[in-house]
């Protein structure tokens, strides 16, 4: 079981880097919770593959910095589709 968890952490890290994916997108792709993704790429990946961990962290930090912009766009689109009368 321990090997499978470590392999999953590596797979998640590679997926996030290749697709510039968010935690939410990775969770959806692998059918696991966002908490599990975060635990895998934050804690487990750091000990299993520190180089991959560093690359994943940079992608996730970039996504975190852009989060408020994506939220604003989503809100704007919501109200453009359902304008008040």
PDB file of N, CA and C in Angstrom:
ATOM      1  N   UNK A   1       0.824  -1.195   0.000  1.00  0.00           N
ATOM      2  CA  UNK A   1       0.000   0.000   0.000  1.00  0.00           C
ATOM      3  C   UNK A   1       0.867   1.256   0.000  1.00  0.00           C
ATOM      4  N   UNK A   2       1.947   1.257   0.756  1.00  0.00           N
ATOM      5  CA  UNK A   2       2.781   2.442   0.823  1.00  0.00           C
ATOM      6  C   UNK A   2       3.376   2.779  -0.535  1.00  0.00           C
ATOM      7  N   UNK A   3       3.753   1.779  -1.284  1.00  0.00           N
ATOM      8  CA  UNK A   3       4.296   2.010  -2.612  1.00  0.00           C
ATOM      9  C   UNK A   3       3.289   2.642  -3.549  1.00  0.00           C
ATOM     10  N   UNK A   4       2.033   2.231  -3.448  1.00  0.00           N
ATOM     11  CA  UNK A   4       0.987   2.769  -4.315  1.00  0.00           C
ATOM     12  C   UNK A   4       0.747   4.247  -4.030  1.00  0.00           C
ATOM     13  N   UNK A   5       0.808   4.634  -2.763  1.00  0.00           N
ATOM     14  CA  UNK A   5       0.603   6.032  -2.398  1.00  0.00           C
ATOM     15  C   UNK A   5       1.742   6.889  -2.939  1.00  0.00           C
ATOM     16  N   UNK A   6       2.963   6.397  -2.829  1.00  0.00           N
ATOM     17  CA  UNK A   6       4.103   7.141  -3.338  1.00  0.00           C
ATOM     18  C   UNK A   6       4.059   7.236  -4.864  1.00  0.00           C
ATOM     19  N   UNK A   7       3.648   6.170  -5.524  1.00  0.00           N
ATOM     20  CA  UNK A   7       3.513   6.195  -6.982  1.00  0.00           C
ATOM     21  C   UNK A   7       2.440   7.194  -7.399  1.00  0.00           C
ATOM     22  N   UNK A   8       1.340   7.227  -6.654  1.00  0.00           N
ATOM     23  CA  UNK A   8       0.263   8.169  -6.954  1.00  0.00           C
ATOM     24  C   UNK A   8       0.768   9.609  -6.805  1.00  0.00           C
ATOM     25  N   UNK A   9       1.569   9.868  -5.784  1.00  0.00           N
ATOM     26  CA  UNK A   9       2.111  11.210  -5.580  1.00  0.00           C
ATOM     27  C   UNK A   9       2.979  11.627  -6.777  1.00  0.00           C
ATOM     28  N   UNK A  10       3.777  10.706  -7.275  1.00  0.00           N
ATOM     29  CA  UNK A  10       4.617  11.003  -8.437  1.00  0.00           C
ATOM     30  C   UNK A  10       3.758  11.232  -9.675  1.00  0.00           C
ATOM     31  N   UNK A  11       2.744  10.403  -9.871  1.00  0.00           N
ATOM     32  CA  UNK A  11       1.848  10.571 -11.018  1.00  0.00           C
ATOM     33  C   UNK A  11       1.124  11.910 -10.953  1.00  0.00           C
ATOM     34  N   UNK A  12       0.665  12.278  -9.754  1.00  0.00           N
ATOM     35  CA  UNK A  12      -0.003  13.567  -9.595  1.00  0.00           C
ATOM     36  C   UNK A  12       0.942  14.716  -9.923  1.00  0.00           C
ATOM     37  N   UNK A  13       2.164  14.622  -9.424  1.00  0.00           N
ATOM     38  CA  UNK A  13       3.142  15.669  -9.698  1.00  0.00           C
ATOM     39  C   UNK A  13       3.422  15.820 -11.178  1.00  0.00           C
ATOM     40  N   UNK A  14       3.605  14.706 -11.858  1.00  0.00           N
ATOM     41  CA  UNK A  14       3.864  14.754 -13.291  1.00  0.00           C
ATOM     42  C   UNK A  14       2.667  15.316 -14.055  1.00  0.00           C
ATOM     43  N   UNK A  15       1.458  14.937 -13.654  1.00  0.00           N
ATOM     44  CA  UNK A  15       0.251  15.441 -14.305  1.00  0.00           C
ATOM     45  C   UNK A  15       0.134  16.954 -14.129  1.00  0.00           C
ATOM     46  N   UNK A  16       0.390  17.423 -12.916  1.00  0.00           N
ATOM     47  CA  UNK A  16       0.280  18.855 -12.638  1.00  0.00           C
ATOM     48  C   UNK A  16       1.281  19.638 -13.482  1.00  0.00           C
ATOM     49  N   UNK A  17       2.498  19.130 -13.602  1.00  0.00           N
ATOM     50  CA  UNK A  17       3.522  19.827 -14.379  1.00  0.00           C
ATOM     51  C   UNK A  17       3.200  19.799 -15.871  1.00  0.00           C
ATOM     52  N   UNK A  18       2.844  18.640 -16.389  1.00  0.00           N
ATOM     53  CA  UNK A  18       2.588  18.504 -17.831  1.00  0.00           C
ATOM     54  C   UNK A  18       1.403  19.342 -18.285  1.00  0.00           C
ATOM     55  N   UNK A  19       0.363  19.429 -17.447  1.00  0.00           N
ATOM     56  CA  UNK A  19      -0.861  20.109 -17.845  1.00  0.00           C
ATOM     57  C   UNK A  19      -1.037  21.477 -17.204  1.00  0.00           C
ATOM     58  N   UNK A  20      -0.054  21.910 -16.401  1.00  0.00           N
ATOM     59  CA  UNK A  20      -0.169  23.165 -15.660  1.00  0.00           C
ATOM     60  C   UNK A  20      -1.490  23.185 -14.897  1.00  0.00           C
ATOM     61  N   UNK A  21      -1.799  22.053 -14.280  1.00  0.00           N
ATOM     62  CA  UNK A  21      -3.100  21.818 -13.684  1.00  0.00           C
ATOM     63  C   UNK A  21      -3.200  22.379 -12.267  1.00  0.00           C
ATOM     64  N   UNK A  22      -4.423  22.700 -11.888  1.00  0.00           N
ATOM     65  CA  UNK A  22      -4.706  23.098 -10.515  1.00  0.00           C
ATOM     66  C   UNK A  22      -4.924  21.847  -9.672  1.00  0.00           C
ATOM     67  N   UNK A  23      -4.978  22.043  -8.368  1.00  0.00           N
ATOM     68  CA  UNK A  23      -5.259  20.927  -7.463  1.00  0.00           C
ATOM     69  C   UNK A  23      -6.631  20.352  -7.773  1.00  0.00           C
ATOM     70  N   UNK A  24      -7.584  21.220  -8.035  1.00  0.00           N
ATOM     71  CA  UNK A  24      -8.948  20.782  -8.344  1.00  0.00           C
ATOM     72  C   UNK A  24      -8.986  19.950  -9.623  1.00  0.00           C
ATOM     73  N   UNK A  25      -8.253  20.362 -10.642  1.00  0.00           N
ATOM     74  CA  UNK A  25      -8.225  19.622 -11.900  1.00  0.00           C
ATOM     75  C   UNK A  25      -7.572  18.252 -11.720  1.00  0.00           C
ATOM     76  N   UNK A  26      -6.498  18.211 -10.947  1.00  0.00           N
ATOM     77  CA  UNK A  26      -5.822  16.932 -10.689  1.00  0.00           C
ATOM     78  C   UNK A  26      -6.726  15.999  -9.892  1.00  0.00           C
ATOM     79  N   UNK A  27      -7.452  16.560  -8.933  1.00  0.00           N
ATOM     80  CA  UNK A  27      -8.367  15.741  -8.138  1.00  0.00           C
ATOM     81  C   UNK A  27      -9.460  15.140  -9.018  1.00  0.00           C
ATOM     82  N   UNK A  28      -9.981  15.928  -9.932  1.00  0.00           N
ATOM     83  CA  UNK A  28     -11.005  15.425 -10.834  1.00  0.00           C
ATOM     84  C   UNK A  28     -10.486  14.349 -11.768  1.00  0.00           C
ATOM     85  N   UNK A  29      -9.277  14.539 -12.268  1.00  0.00           N
ATOM     86  CA  UNK A  29      -8.685  13.580 -13.199  1.00  0.00           C
ATOM     87  C   UNK A  29      -8.434  12.227 -12.528  1.00  0.00           C
ATOM     88  N   UNK A  30      -7.941  12.243 -11.284  1.00  0.00           N
ATOM     89  CA  UNK A  30      -7.599  11.013 -10.586  1.00  0.00           C
ATOM     90  C   UNK A  30      -8.726  10.491  -9.692  1.00  0.00           C
ATOM     91  N   UNK A  31      -9.861  11.196  -9.668  1.00  0.00           N
ATOM     92  CA  UNK A  31     -11.032  10.788  -8.874  1.00  0.00           C
ATOM     93  C   UNK A  31     -10.693  10.645  -7.395  1.00  0.00           C
ATOM     94  N   UNK A  32      -9.976  11.642  -6.869  1.00  0.00           N
ATOM     95  CA  UNK A  32      -9.672  11.689  -5.443  1.00  0.00           C
ATOM     96  C   UNK A  32      -9.980  13.098  -4.946  1.00  0.00           C
ATOM     97  N   UNK A  33      -9.955  13.290  -3.635  1.00  0.00           N
ATOM     98  CA  UNK A  33     -10.294  14.593  -3.084  1.00  0.00           C
ATOM     99  C   UNK A  33      -9.150  15.580  -3.245  1.00  0.00           C
ATOM    100  N   UNK A  34      -9.506  16.871  -3.171  1.00  0.00           N
ATOM    101  CA  UNK A  34      -8.484  17.907  -3.247  1.00  0.00           C
ATOM    102  C   UNK A  34      -7.529  17.796  -2.062  1.00  0.00           C
ATOM    103  N   UNK A  35      -8.036  17.390  -0.922  1.00  0.00           N
ATOM    104  CA  UNK A  35      -7.183  17.222   0.258  1.00  0.00           C
ATOM    105  C   UNK A  35      -6.130  16.153   0.028  1.00  0.00           C
ATOM    106  N   UNK A  36      -6.509  15.079  -0.623  1.00  0.00           N
ATOM    107  CA  UNK A  36      -5.573  14.000  -0.913  1.00  0.00           C
ATOM    108  C   UNK A  36      -4.503  14.475  -1.892  1.00  0.00           C
ATOM    109  N   UNK A  37      -4.907  15.219  -2.913  1.00  0.00           N
ATOM    110  CA  UNK A  37      -3.939  15.748  -3.869  1.00  0.00           C
ATOM    111  C   UNK A  37      -2.950  16.652  -3.142  1.00  0.00           C
ATOM    112  N   UNK A  38      -3.474  17.542  -2.325  1.00  0.00           N
ATOM    113  CA  UNK A  38      -2.611  18.472  -1.608  1.00  0.00           C
ATOM    114  C   UNK A  38      -1.650  17.727  -0.688  1.00  0.00           C
ATOM    115  N   UNK A  39      -2.142  16.726   0.028  1.00  0.00           N
ATOM    116  CA  UNK A  39      -1.289  15.926   0.920  1.00  0.00           C
ATOM    117  C   UNK A  39      -0.203  15.212   0.118  1.00  0.00           C
ATOM    118  N   UNK A  40      -0.578  14.639  -1.011  1.00  0.00           N
ATOM    119  CA  UNK A  40       0.383  13.905  -1.835  1.00  0.00           C
ATOM    120  C   UNK A  40       1.479  14.819  -2.381  1.00  0.00           C
ATOM    121  N   UNK A  41       1.099  15.959  -2.949  1.00  0.00           N
ATOM    122  CA  UNK A  41       2.108  16.807  -3.584  1.00  0.00           C
ATOM    123  C   UNK A  41       2.842  17.702  -2.598  1.00  0.00           C
ATOM    124  N   UNK A  42       2.303  17.907  -1.412  1.00  0.00           N
ATOM    125  CA  UNK A  42       2.973  18.751  -0.423  1.00  0.00           C
ATOM    126  C   UNK A  42       3.872  17.958   0.503  1.00  0.00           C
ATOM    127  N   UNK A  43       3.369  16.864   1.035  1.00  0.00           N
ATOM    128  CA  UNK A  43       4.122  16.106   2.034  1.00  0.00           C
ATOM    129  C   UNK A  43       4.836  14.899   1.441  1.00  0.00           C
ATOM    130  N   UNK A  44       4.099  14.038   0.796  1.00  0.00           N
ATOM    131  CA  UNK A  44       4.673  12.784   0.319  1.00  0.00           C
ATOM    132  C   UNK A  44       5.686  13.001  -0.793  1.00  0.00           C
ATOM    133  N   UNK A  45       5.376  13.882  -1.726  1.00  0.00           N
ATOM    134  CA  UNK A  45       6.261  14.102  -2.861  1.00  0.00           C
ATOM    135  C   UNK A  45       7.584  14.737  -2.418  1.00  0.00           C
ATOM    136  N   UNK A  46       7.536  15.525  -1.360  1.00  0.00           N
ATOM    137  CA  UNK A  46       8.752  16.166  -0.862  1.00  0.00           C
ATOM    138  C   UNK A  46       9.800  15.141  -0.453  1.00  0.00           C
ATOM    139  N   UNK A  47       9.362  14.025   0.148  1.00  0.00           N
ATOM    140  CA  UNK A  47      10.308  12.999   0.583  1.00  0.00           C
ATOM    141  C   UNK A  47      10.634  12.005  -0.531  1.00  0.00           C
ATOM    142  N   UNK A  48       9.668  11.738  -1.405  1.00  0.00           N
ATOM    143  CA  UNK A  48       9.863  10.741  -2.456  1.00  0.00           C
ATOM    144  C   UNK A  48      10.733  11.275  -3.587  1.00  0.00           C
ATOM    145  N   UNK A  49      10.429  12.490  -4.054  1.00  0.00           N
ATOM    146  CA  UNK A  49      11.143  13.058  -5.200  1.00  0.00           C
ATOM    147  C   UNK A  49      11.251  14.579  -5.025  1.00  0.00           C
ATOM    148  N   UNK A  50      12.261  15.055  -4.313  1.00  0.00           N
ATOM    149  CA  UNK A  50      12.375  16.488  -4.022  1.00  0.00           C
ATOM    150  C   UNK A  50      12.478  17.374  -5.262  1.00  0.00           C
ATOM    151  N   UNK A  51      13.102  16.890  -6.337  1.00  0.00           N
ATOM    152  CA  UNK A  51      13.206  17.706  -7.551  1.00  0.00           C
ATOM    153  C   UNK A  51      11.839  17.916  -8.184  1.00  0.00           C
ATOM    154  N   UNK A  52      11.063  16.859  -8.277  1.00  0.00           N
ATOM    155  CA  UNK A  52       9.707  16.957  -8.815  1.00  0.00           C
ATOM    156  C   UNK A  52       8.856  17.847  -7.918  1.00  0.00           C
ATOM    157  N   UNK A  53       9.038  17.726  -6.616  1.00  0.00           N
ATOM    158  CA  UNK A  53       8.301  18.549  -5.649  1.00  0.00           C
ATOM    159  C   UNK A  53       8.527  20.035  -5.926  1.00  0.00           C
ATOM    160  N   UNK A  54       9.773  20.434  -6.162  1.00  0.00           N
ATOM    161  CA  UNK A  54      10.073  21.833  -6.438  1.00  0.00           C
ATOM    162  C   UNK A  54       9.380  22.345  -7.680  1.00  0.00           C
ATOM    163  N   UNK A  55       9.341  21.535  -8.722  1.00  0.00           N
ATOM    164  CA  UNK A  55       8.675  21.937  -9.960  1.00  0.00           C
ATOM    165  C   UNK A  55       7.166  22.031  -9.773  1.00  0.00           C
ATOM    166  N   UNK A  56       6.600  21.086  -9.015  1.00  0.00           N
ATOM    167  CA  UNK A  56       5.156  21.109  -8.748  1.00  0.00           C
ATOM    168  C   UNK A  56       4.797  22.346  -7.931  1.00  0.00           C
ATOM    169  N   UNK A  57       5.610  22.663  -6.932  1.00  0.00           N
ATOM    170  CA  UNK A  57       5.322  23.825  -6.097  1.00  0.00           C
ATOM    171  C   UNK A  57       5.304  25.105  -6.920  1.00  0.00           C
ATOM    172  N   UNK A  58       6.210  25.218  -7.887  1.00  0.00           N
ATOM    173  CA  UNK A  58       6.228  26.434  -8.696  1.00  0.00           C
ATOM    174  C   UNK A  58       4.957  26.548  -9.545  1.00  0.00           C
ATOM    175  N   UNK A  59       4.473  25.429 -10.068  1.00  0.00           N
ATOM    176  CA  UNK A  59       3.218  25.449 -10.842  1.00  0.00           C
ATOM    177  C   UNK A  59       2.048  25.816  -9.934  1.00  0.00           C
ATOM    178  N   UNK A  60       1.993  25.221  -8.751  1.00  0.00           N
ATOM    179  CA  UNK A  60       0.880  25.499  -7.846  1.00  0.00           C
ATOM    180  C   UNK A  60       0.925  26.929  -7.315  1.00  0.00           C
ATOM    181  N   UNK A  61       2.105  27.473  -7.088  1.00  0.00           N
ATOM    182  CA  UNK A  61       2.218  28.868  -6.660  1.00  0.00           C
ATOM    183  C   UNK A  61       1.740  29.804  -7.763  1.00  0.00           C
ATOM    184  N   UNK A  62       2.073  29.482  -9.001  1.00  0.00           N
ATOM    185  CA  UNK A  62       1.599  30.286 -10.124  1.00  0.00           C
ATOM    186  C   UNK A  62       0.070  30.237 -10.198  1.00  0.00           C
ATOM    187  N   UNK A  63      -0.496  29.043 -10.043  1.00  0.00           N
ATOM    188  CA  UNK A  63      -1.955  28.900 -10.072  1.00  0.00           C
ATOM    189  C   UNK A  63      -2.598  29.672  -8.928  1.00  0.00           C
ATOM    190  N   UNK A  64      -1.974  29.641  -7.769  1.00  0.00           N
ATOM    191  CA  UNK A  64      -2.512  30.355  -6.609  1.00  0.00           C
ATOM    192  C   UNK A  64      -2.497  31.860  -6.859  1.00  0.00           C
ATOM    193  N   UNK A  65      -1.451  32.346  -7.496  1.00  0.00           N
ATOM    194  CA  UNK A  65      -1.366  33.773  -7.786  1.00  0.00           C
ATOM    195  C   UNK A  65      -2.422  34.204  -8.806  1.00  0.00           C
ATOM    196  N   UNK A  66      -2.831  33.313  -9.676  1.00  0.00           N
ATOM    197  CA  UNK A  66      -3.816  33.619 -10.709  1.00  0.00           C
ATOM    198  C   UNK A  66      -5.250  33.319 -10.296  1.00  0.00           C
ATOM    199  N   UNK A  67      -5.436  32.720  -9.121  1.00  0.00           N
ATOM    200  CA  UNK A  67      -6.749  32.250  -8.684  1.00  0.00           C
ATOM    201  C   UNK A  67      -7.788  33.366  -8.653  1.00  0.00           C
ATOM    202  N   UNK A  68      -7.442  34.527  -8.134  1.00  0.00           N
ATOM    203  CA  UNK A  68      -8.413  35.612  -8.025  1.00  0.00           C
ATOM    204  C   UNK A  68      -8.846  36.119  -9.400  1.00  0.00           C
ATOM    205  N   UNK A  69      -7.980  36.020 -10.366  1.00  0.00           N
ATOM    206  CA  UNK A  69      -8.339  36.447 -11.724  1.00  0.00           C
ATOM    207  C   UNK A  69      -9.335  35.476 -12.335  1.00  0.00           C
ATOM    208  N   UNK A  70      -9.077  34.167 -12.184  1.00  0.00           N
ATOM    209  CA  UNK A  70     -10.017  33.168 -12.718  1.00  0.00           C
ATOM    210  C   UNK A  70     -11.373  33.279 -12.033  1.00  0.00           C
ATOM    211  N   UNK A  71     -11.381  33.578 -10.752  1.00  0.00           N
ATOM    212  CA  UNK A  71     -12.649  33.744 -10.030  1.00  0.00           C
ATOM    213  C   UNK A  71     -13.431  34.937 -10.543  1.00  0.00           C
ATOM    214  N   UNK A  72     -12.728  36.021 -10.829  1.00  0.00           N
ATOM    215  CA  UNK A  72     -13.393  37.201 -11.366  1.00  0.00           C
ATOM    216  C   UNK A  72     -13.972  36.949 -12.745  1.00  0.00           C
ATOM    217  N   UNK A  73     -13.248  36.230 -13.554  1.00  0.00           N
ATOM    218  CA  UNK A  73     -13.738  35.890 -14.895  1.00  0.00           C
ATOM    219  C   UNK A  73     -14.971  35.005 -14.798  1.00  0.00           C
ATOM    220  N   UNK A  74     -14.951  34.040 -13.905  1.00  0.00           N
ATOM    221  CA  UNK A  74     -16.103  33.147 -13.737  1.00  0.00           C
ATOM    222  C   UNK A  74     -17.334  33.933 -13.274  1.00  0.00           C
ATOM    223  N   UNK A  75     -17.140  34.858 -12.359  1.00  0.00           N
ATOM    224  CA  UNK A  75     -18.260  35.675 -11.881  1.00  0.00           C
ATOM    225  C   UNK A  75     -18.793  36.558 -12.996  1.00  0.00           C
ATOM    226  N   UNK A  76     -17.905  37.145 -13.759  1.00  0.00           N
ATOM    227  CA  UNK A  76     -18.327  37.991 -14.878  1.00  0.00           C
ATOM    228  C   UNK A  76     -19.146  37.179 -15.874  1.00  0.00           C
ATOM    229  N   UNK A  77     -18.652  35.993 -16.217  1.00  0.00           N
ATOM    230  CA  UNK A  77     -19.382  35.147 -17.164  1.00  0.00           C
ATOM    231  C   UNK A  77     -20.731  34.725 -16.621  1.00  0.00           C
ATOM    232  N   UNK A  78     -20.803  34.481 -15.329  1.00  0.00           N
ATOM    233  CA  UNK A  78     -22.068  34.101 -14.703  1.00  0.00           C
ATOM    234  C   UNK A  78     -23.118  35.185 -14.908  1.00  0.00           C
ATOM    235  N   UNK A  79     -22.733  36.431 -14.681  1.00  0.00           N
ATOM    236  CA  UNK A  79     -23.697  37.511 -14.794  1.00  0.00           C
ATOM    237  C   UNK A  79     -23.960  37.932 -16.226  1.00  0.00           C
ATOM    238  N   UNK A  80     -23.033  37.649 -17.122  1.00  0.00           N
ATOM    239  CA  UNK A  80     -23.305  37.931 -18.533  1.00  0.00           C
ATOM    240  C   UNK A  80     -24.304  36.943 -19.104  1.00  0.00           C
ATOM    241  N   UNK A  81     -24.305  35.723 -18.572  1.00  0.00           N
ATOM    242  CA  UNK A  81     -25.257  34.709 -19.051  1.00  0.00           C
ATOM    243  C   UNK A  81     -26.634  34.912 -18.456  1.00  0.00           C
ATOM    244  N   UNK A  82     -26.715  35.456 -17.243  1.00  0.00           N
ATOM    245  CA  UNK A  82     -27.996  35.682 -16.566  1.00  0.00           C
ATOM    246  C   UNK A  82     -28.120  37.145 -16.149  1.00  0.00           C
ATOM    247  N   UNK A  83     -28.318  38.030 -17.101  1.00  0.00           N
ATOM    248  CA  UNK A  83     -28.422  39.453 -16.725  1.00  0.00           C
ATOM    249  C   UNK A  83     -29.727  39.722 -15.971  1.00  0.00           C
ATOM    250  N   UNK A  84     -29.627  40.646 -15.012  1.00  0.00           N
ATOM    251  CA  UNK A  84     -30.834  41.015 -14.249  1.00  0.00           C
ATOM    252  C   UNK A  84     -31.773  41.795 -15.151  1.00  0.00           C
ATOM    253  N   UNK A  85     -33.065  41.600 -14.913  1.00  0.00           N
ATOM    254  CA  UNK A  85     -34.072  42.287 -15.739  1.00  0.00           C
ATOM    255  C   UNK A  85     -34.630  43.461 -14.996  1.00  0.00           C
TER     256      UNK A  85
END
